[in-house]
Every structure is written in C-alpha cells, then in structure tokens.
Amino acid sequence: MKKRILLFLIIALVFTGCVKQKDDVSVNEKQLQEFQNLIAQTDEPFKVKDYLDHEIQNAGLKTADALVLEYLNYMESLMYNGFPGYEKQMQSLKDYFDYDTWTIDESSIQDSDTMKVYQTFKNAGFKFIHVEGFITAIIDYHFLEAYTEMVSPEISDYSKFMILDSEEPWAIDAGIIIPLTDLADRIAMAEQYIHTYPESILKDKVIRQYNFYLRAFLGGLDNTPLVLYDTNKVDPGFVEAFDYFIATYPDLDTAVTVKTFRAELESKHFKAPYTYNESDKRMAFMKHVDELVSEMTNKF
C-alpha cells in the first residue's frame, strides 16, 4: 500500500490540479516586508505562524508562495541556530519521548512550562525527535497542507516530498531506518520534482535532500554499511534495492547511475571494495560514490 501511495505522489508531481487562490501579477512587497519585519522582531515562533495564517488568506498566489517560502527559511534558520532561548527548555521534553511511536507523548506532560514549550513549537509547524541523547525540533511539513489551495503546485508538491521525512525520518544516528526500497522511492520523487520544476526556488533544497538520499543509497552509512562485516561482501539488501530502482524507474537519469554502479560491484562478484582496516581504500571508494552523486546533481 505504501509503495502505491509513493508512486501516486510521484505521478502527481506531473498532474497537479489547479489551485483556487487568486493569482496576482507580482509579489505584494509591502505585505512581504511586514512579514519579514515581524520575523526580525519576535522570538516566539507560534506568533510568526499565526501571522502567516492570517495574511495568507487574502494574499494572491505569488504573494502566498513568497510568504510560505519566507516562513520556511525562518524555520530553517531556527534549526540551524539551535533554537536560541529554548535549548534547555526543549530538553525537558526528553522524559516524555515515546520510543515506540518516536513522538512526544503529549498526554503525559504535566508541567505547564514544558507543555508551553511543546505547544509553541507544535503550533509553529515543528515536531520533536530524539537524536544522540538530545531532543531537537524538525519541520513537520504537514503544516503546509493547510495552504494547498492557496499556493502554487510547486509549493504543494514540495510539501508532499518533504512530508515523507516528517512522517518517517530516513536516517537517525548514522543509520538508515527505512527500507532501502523506500529510500529508492524518495530519490525518484526528488528527481521527478527537479524535472517538473527546473526553475523552482526550492530546487536547491530538493537537490540537497537528493544528495543525502543517493549518497546513502549507493555507499551506505556508518551504521547501515554497504559492506557486511561478517561476509566481506556487499549487503544483498542493497543489491536488491538497486534492482528495484532500475526496474521501477528505468526512465530516470538516476537509474543510469544506479545501473552503472551495480555493474561495477557485480564485475567484482560483489566482493567488498575495501575492508574495515583499509582506510585508504575505504576513503577512495567513498570518494567514488561522492563523484557519482556530484555527476548526477550537475545534470540538474
């Protein structure tokens, strides 16, 4: 079922329906500037989100896109800067993290200050995850669904792509935590977005995610290695995922790269291209993977 949903999302990038928001000739610079001023003057994310919710209702299509993009940049800046002013408060949520659902158990929060922090970020479009002993917030791209009929297909299709990682992060603690075939689907969806919206301002963000995905898909991660320790051979699970990608997405540019890479491994009978005490060979192999990824992204 999940596979069919992902394939539908990829197809939907080409056949996105019409939006109902009124069009405008250009961005309302005054409206955008007022939003930027608010962002610069407040340290409370939920107030910025409330302002966006209000302003976008009466904005034209181009202005709505600009407002959403500005808010996404604001959210990313908070993440990059480590949520200044909230660092210690966010760690108070650690006691309420449910490792079965990988979410905060909101019903168990009794302390009012802790609940305020939780609600502040939830209402602003974030969700909390646990990484290497710390609680941090990531963007929950589901918040963009409320704007589907107010923004362009370029924005709504971007949200469909990013929601996948909101619902199910692909990697945690240097390990791939989704099936490799699901990772293949995400790579395909990224390339399809890039081809559908070649001039998109969001293109670089999608390419960045594509880079992460493809590099891990071809070379593995430290805790999900391409090479099995006990057999000294390439993990058959990766080979099966390569075959899946080639068969499912034969018309994508990435399929050529995956096919070529698989052929390289097969020519050596899937013997490990390095052992774990051969750091030079391992570095050379990972450099080769990086070059393959760079060659792909340069095509975009």
Protein backbone atom coordinates (compact mmCIF):
# COMPACT_ATOMS: atom_id res chain seq x y z
CA MET A 1 0.00 0.00 0.00
CA LYS A 2 2.82 2.40 0.94
CA LYS A 3 4.51 1.74 -2.42
CA ARG A 4 1.33 2.61 -4.32
CA ILE A 5 0.96 5.84 -2.34
CA LEU A 6 4.56 6.86 -3.06
CA LEU A 7 4.19 6.08 -6.76
CA PHE A 8 0.97 8.10 -6.84
CA LEU A 9 2.78 11.06 -5.29
CA ILE A 10 5.47 10.87 -7.95
CA ILE A 11 2.87 10.80 -10.74
CA ALA A 12 1.01 13.65 -9.01
CA LEU A 13 4.04 15.90 -9.46
CA VAL A 14 3.27 15.93 -13.18
CA PHE A 15 -0.51 16.18 -12.95
CA THR A 16 -1.08 18.57 -10.05
CA GLY A 17 -4.57 20.09 -10.01
CA CYS A 18 -5.46 23.74 -10.27
CA VAL A 19 -5.27 25.95 -7.22
CA LYS A 20 -8.12 28.16 -6.12
CA GLN A 21 -6.12 31.07 -4.75
CA LYS A 22 -6.48 34.23 -6.81
CA ASP A 23 -3.49 34.98 -8.99
CA ASP A 24 -1.53 38.21 -8.85
CA VAL A 25 0.89 39.80 -11.26
CA SER A 26 3.71 40.11 -8.77
CA VAL A 27 4.52 39.69 -5.10
CA ASN A 28 2.97 42.25 -2.77
CA GLU A 29 6.28 43.62 -1.49
CA LYS A 30 4.64 45.63 1.30
CA GLN A 31 2.91 42.54 2.68
CA LEU A 32 6.10 40.50 2.42
CA GLN A 33 8.19 43.22 4.08
CA GLU A 34 5.78 43.45 7.01
CA PHE A 35 6.09 39.70 7.49
CA GLN A 36 9.88 39.92 7.37
CA ASN A 37 9.80 42.72 9.96
CA LEU A 38 7.72 40.57 12.29
CA ILE A 39 10.19 37.69 11.95
CA ALA A 40 13.06 40.01 12.82
CA GLN A 41 11.30 41.44 15.86
CA THR A 42 9.83 38.38 17.61
CA ASP A 43 11.38 35.37 19.30
CA GLU A 44 8.12 33.45 19.55
CA PRO A 45 7.69 31.11 16.56
CA PHE A 46 3.96 30.50 17.06
CA LYS A 47 3.26 34.24 16.69
CA VAL A 48 5.02 34.23 13.33
CA LYS A 49 2.95 31.23 12.25
CA ASP A 50 -0.29 32.90 13.40
CA TYR A 51 0.59 35.97 11.38
CA LEU A 52 1.25 33.82 8.31
CA ASP A 53 -2.08 32.01 8.74
CA HIS A 54 -3.87 35.35 8.80
CA GLU A 55 -2.02 37.06 5.95
CA ILE A 56 -2.11 34.16 3.52
CA GLN A 57 -5.91 34.11 3.49
CA ASN A 58 -6.10 37.31 1.44
CA ALA A 59 -2.83 37.02 -0.45
CA GLY A 60 -2.57 36.39 -4.18
CA LEU A 61 -0.85 33.25 -5.42
CA LYS A 62 2.61 34.76 -5.90
CA THR A 63 2.45 36.54 -2.56
CA ALA A 64 1.23 33.40 -0.79
CA ASP A 65 4.19 31.49 -2.22
CA ALA A 66 6.58 34.22 -1.09
CA LEU A 67 5.14 34.26 2.44
CA VAL A 68 5.41 30.47 2.78
CA LEU A 69 8.97 30.46 1.45
CA GLU A 70 9.90 33.20 3.91
CA TYR A 71 8.44 31.16 6.76
CA LEU A 72 10.28 28.00 5.68
CA ASN A 73 13.53 29.98 5.66
CA TYR A 74 12.71 31.26 9.14
CA MET A 75 12.10 27.71 10.38
CA GLU A 76 15.38 26.51 8.89
CA SER A 77 17.25 29.40 10.50
CA LEU A 78 15.86 28.43 13.90
CA MET A 79 17.04 24.85 13.39
CA TYR A 80 20.46 25.98 12.16
CA ASN A 81 20.94 28.28 15.16
CA GLY A 82 19.81 25.64 17.66
CA PHE A 83 16.57 27.37 18.72
CA PRO A 84 18.17 30.17 20.75
CA GLY A 85 16.44 30.77 24.05
CA TYR A 86 14.75 27.37 24.03
CA GLU A 87 17.70 24.95 24.26
CA LYS A 88 17.30 23.96 27.92
CA GLN A 89 13.52 24.06 27.83
CA MET A 90 13.41 21.67 24.90
CA GLN A 91 15.46 19.09 26.81
CA SER A 92 12.71 18.99 29.44
CA LEU A 93 10.68 17.06 26.86
CA LYS A 94 13.10 14.13 26.97
CA ASP A 95 11.13 12.44 29.76
CA TYR A 96 8.03 12.38 27.57
CA PHE A 97 9.57 10.92 24.43
CA ASP A 98 7.90 7.66 23.37
CA TYR A 99 10.40 5.42 21.61
CA ASP A 100 7.67 3.15 20.26
CA THR A 101 5.97 5.90 18.28
CA TRP A 102 9.06 8.13 18.05
CA THR A 103 6.99 11.09 19.20
CA ILE A 104 6.37 13.14 22.33
CA ASP A 105 3.59 11.68 24.47
CA GLU A 106 1.64 14.90 24.90
CA SER A 107 -0.87 13.35 27.31
CA SER A 108 1.86 12.60 29.85
CA ILE A 109 3.15 16.18 30.12
CA GLN A 110 2.08 17.60 33.47
CA ASP A 111 4.40 20.57 33.89
CA SER A 112 2.81 23.74 32.46
CA ASP A 113 6.12 25.29 31.33
CA THR A 114 7.09 22.12 29.50
CA MET A 115 3.66 21.97 27.86
CA LYS A 116 4.03 25.59 26.76
CA VAL A 117 7.32 24.80 25.01
CA TYR A 118 5.76 21.77 23.35
CA GLN A 119 2.71 23.67 22.14
CA THR A 120 4.78 26.64 20.99
CA PHE A 121 6.74 24.54 18.54
CA LYS A 122 3.90 22.23 17.57
CA ASN A 123 1.70 25.20 16.68
CA ALA A 124 4.57 26.71 14.70
CA GLY A 125 4.83 23.61 12.48
CA PHE A 126 7.60 21.68 14.21
CA LYS A 127 7.81 18.20 15.70
CA PHE A 128 10.31 16.79 18.17
CA ILE A 129 12.73 13.92 17.65
CA HIS A 130 15.44 12.30 19.76
CA VAL A 131 18.94 12.33 18.29
CA GLU A 132 22.07 11.10 20.06
CA GLY A 133 20.72 11.77 23.53
CA PHE A 134 19.14 15.14 22.79
CA ILE A 135 15.68 16.38 21.94
CA THR A 136 15.54 18.61 18.90
CA ALA A 137 12.81 20.00 16.69
CA ILE A 138 12.44 19.40 12.97
CA ILE A 139 9.97 20.84 10.49
CA ASP A 140 6.71 18.93 10.31
CA TYR A 141 5.85 19.65 6.69
CA HIS A 142 2.26 18.58 7.26
CA PHE A 143 1.61 22.20 8.27
CA LEU A 144 1.83 23.13 4.59
CA GLU A 145 -1.23 21.03 3.79
CA ALA A 146 -3.43 23.78 5.20
CA TYR A 147 -2.22 26.05 2.38
CA THR A 148 -2.68 23.63 -0.54
CA GLU A 149 -5.37 25.71 -2.25
CA MET A 150 -3.58 28.98 -1.55
CA VAL A 151 -0.15 28.23 -3.01
CA SER A 152 1.22 27.05 -6.34
CA PRO A 153 1.69 23.37 -7.30
CA GLU A 154 5.42 24.00 -6.90
CA ILE A 155 4.93 24.57 -3.16
CA SER A 156 2.31 21.89 -2.58
CA ASP A 157 4.36 19.25 -4.43
CA TYR A 158 7.40 20.23 -2.39
CA SER A 159 5.38 19.63 0.76
CA LYS A 160 4.36 16.15 -0.48
CA PHE A 161 8.01 15.29 -0.94
CA MET A 162 9.18 16.66 2.40
CA ILE A 163 6.25 15.19 4.34
CA LEU A 164 7.72 11.74 3.76
CA ASP A 165 10.64 12.57 6.03
CA SER A 166 8.36 14.33 8.51
CA GLU A 167 6.31 11.16 8.89
CA GLU A 168 9.24 8.78 8.84
CA PRO A 169 12.80 10.11 9.10
CA TRP A 170 15.02 8.19 6.72
CA ALA A 171 18.14 8.13 8.93
CA ILE A 172 18.94 8.51 12.61
CA ASP A 173 22.24 8.06 14.45
CA ALA A 174 24.17 7.32 11.24
CA GLY A 175 21.83 4.51 10.24
CA ILE A 176 19.19 4.16 7.53
CA ILE A 177 15.93 3.39 9.35
CA ILE A 178 13.53 2.97 6.44
CA PRO A 179 13.53 0.12 3.90
CA LEU A 180 16.06 0.70 1.13
CA THR A 181 13.28 0.45 -1.45
CA ASP A 182 11.51 3.33 0.31
CA LEU A 183 14.73 5.32 0.08
CA ALA A 184 14.77 4.50 -3.64
CA ASP A 185 11.24 5.90 -3.97
CA ARG A 186 12.29 9.14 -2.30
CA ILE A 187 15.25 9.51 -4.66
CA ALA A 188 12.92 9.04 -7.61
CA MET A 189 10.42 11.55 -6.25
CA ALA A 190 13.20 14.10 -5.79
CA GLU A 191 14.39 13.73 -9.38
CA GLN A 192 10.83 13.97 -10.67
CA TYR A 193 10.31 17.22 -8.75
CA ILE A 194 13.51 18.67 -10.19
CA HIS A 195 12.46 17.80 -13.74
CA THR A 196 8.93 19.11 -13.20
CA TYR A 197 10.05 22.43 -11.69
CA PRO A 198 13.52 23.11 -13.16
CA GLU A 199 13.35 26.82 -12.30
CA SER A 200 11.94 26.38 -8.80
CA ILE A 201 13.42 28.40 -5.97
CA LEU A 202 13.04 25.19 -3.96
CA LYS A 203 15.14 23.19 -6.39
CA ASP A 204 18.34 23.53 -4.34
CA LYS A 205 16.56 22.28 -1.21
CA VAL A 206 15.31 19.21 -3.09
CA ILE A 207 18.76 18.60 -4.59
CA ARG A 208 20.28 18.80 -1.11
CA GLN A 209 17.90 16.10 0.09
CA TYR A 210 18.52 14.09 -3.07
CA ASN A 211 22.26 14.22 -2.34
CA PHE A 212 21.76 12.81 1.15
CA TYR A 213 19.50 10.07 -0.15
CA LEU A 214 21.60 8.98 -3.12
CA ARG A 215 24.90 9.05 -1.26
CA ALA A 216 23.48 6.76 1.43
CA PHE A 217 21.71 4.58 -1.15
CA LEU A 218 24.95 3.90 -3.03
CA GLY A 219 27.50 3.92 -0.23
CA GLY A 220 25.54 3.17 2.93
CA LEU A 221 26.00 4.89 6.28
CA ASP A 222 28.26 4.00 9.22
CA ASN A 223 25.52 2.05 10.98
CA THR A 224 23.96 0.73 7.76
CA PRO A 225 27.08 -0.18 5.82
CA LEU A 226 27.11 -1.24 2.19
CA VAL A 227 29.64 -3.94 3.11
CA LEU A 228 28.69 -6.65 5.58
CA TYR A 229 31.24 -7.18 8.33
CA ASP A 230 30.81 -10.95 8.56
CA THR A 231 30.83 -11.90 4.85
CA ASN A 232 33.12 -9.19 3.49
CA LYS A 233 30.66 -8.76 0.63
CA VAL A 234 28.16 -6.16 -0.44
CA ASP A 235 24.91 -6.43 1.50
CA PRO A 236 22.39 -8.26 -0.76
CA GLY A 237 19.72 -5.88 0.55
CA PHE A 238 21.44 -3.00 -1.24
CA VAL A 239 21.72 -5.01 -4.45
CA GLU A 240 18.01 -5.84 -4.30
CA ALA A 241 17.24 -2.14 -3.79
CA PHE A 242 19.39 -1.23 -6.81
CA ASP A 243 17.47 -3.79 -8.89
CA TYR A 244 14.19 -2.36 -7.62
CA PHE A 245 15.18 1.18 -8.62
CA ILE A 246 16.36 0.14 -12.09
CA ALA A 247 13.17 -1.84 -12.75
CA THR A 248 10.74 0.69 -11.26
CA TYR A 249 12.25 3.93 -12.58
CA PRO A 250 14.05 3.00 -15.83
CA ASP A 251 13.43 6.41 -17.44
CA LEU A 252 15.03 8.49 -14.70
CA ASP A 253 18.58 9.78 -15.03
CA THR A 254 19.43 8.29 -11.65
CA ALA A 255 18.61 4.81 -12.94
CA VAL A 256 21.62 5.03 -15.28
CA THR A 257 23.91 5.86 -12.37
CA VAL A 258 22.48 3.10 -10.19
CA LYS A 259 22.77 0.59 -13.04
CA THR A 260 26.39 1.55 -13.70
CA PHE A 261 27.28 1.36 -10.02
CA ARG A 262 25.62 -2.04 -9.64
CA ALA A 263 27.53 -3.33 -12.68
CA GLU A 264 30.81 -2.20 -11.09
CA LEU A 265 30.03 -4.19 -7.96
CA GLU A 266 28.86 -7.23 -9.91
CA SER A 267 32.04 -7.25 -12.04
CA LYS A 268 33.92 -7.99 -8.82
CA HIS A 269 31.35 -10.59 -7.74
CA PHE A 270 30.05 -8.17 -5.09
CA LYS A 271 33.25 -8.58 -3.12
CA ALA A 272 33.83 -5.77 -0.63
CA PRO A 273 35.63 -2.85 -2.29
CA TYR A 274 37.50 -2.38 0.99
CA THR A 275 37.90 -3.97 4.39
CA TYR A 276 37.45 -2.01 7.57
CA ASN A 277 41.15 -1.87 8.31
CA GLU A 278 41.90 -0.44 4.86
CA SER A 279 41.11 3.20 5.47
CA ASP A 280 42.74 4.37 2.24
CA LYS A 281 40.64 2.02 0.11
CA ARG A 282 37.52 2.96 2.01
CA MET A 283 38.17 6.67 1.51
CA ALA A 284 38.81 6.08 -2.19
CA PHE A 285 35.55 4.16 -2.53
CA MET A 286 33.52 6.83 -0.76
CA LYS A 287 35.19 9.47 -2.94
CA HIS A 288 34.00 7.48 -5.95
CA VAL A 289 30.44 7.47 -4.55
CA ASP A 290 30.64 11.23 -3.96
CA GLU A 291 31.77 11.72 -7.56
CA LEU A 292 28.82 9.72 -8.87
CA VAL A 293 26.42 11.82 -6.79
CA SER A 294 28.06 15.05 -7.93
CA GLU A 295 27.84 13.97 -11.58
CA MET A 296 24.13 13.40 -11.12
CA THR A 297 23.40 16.70 -9.42
CA ASN A 298 25.42 18.59 -12.03
CA LYS A 299 22.92 17.32 -14.60
CA PHE A 300 20.15 19.16 -12.77
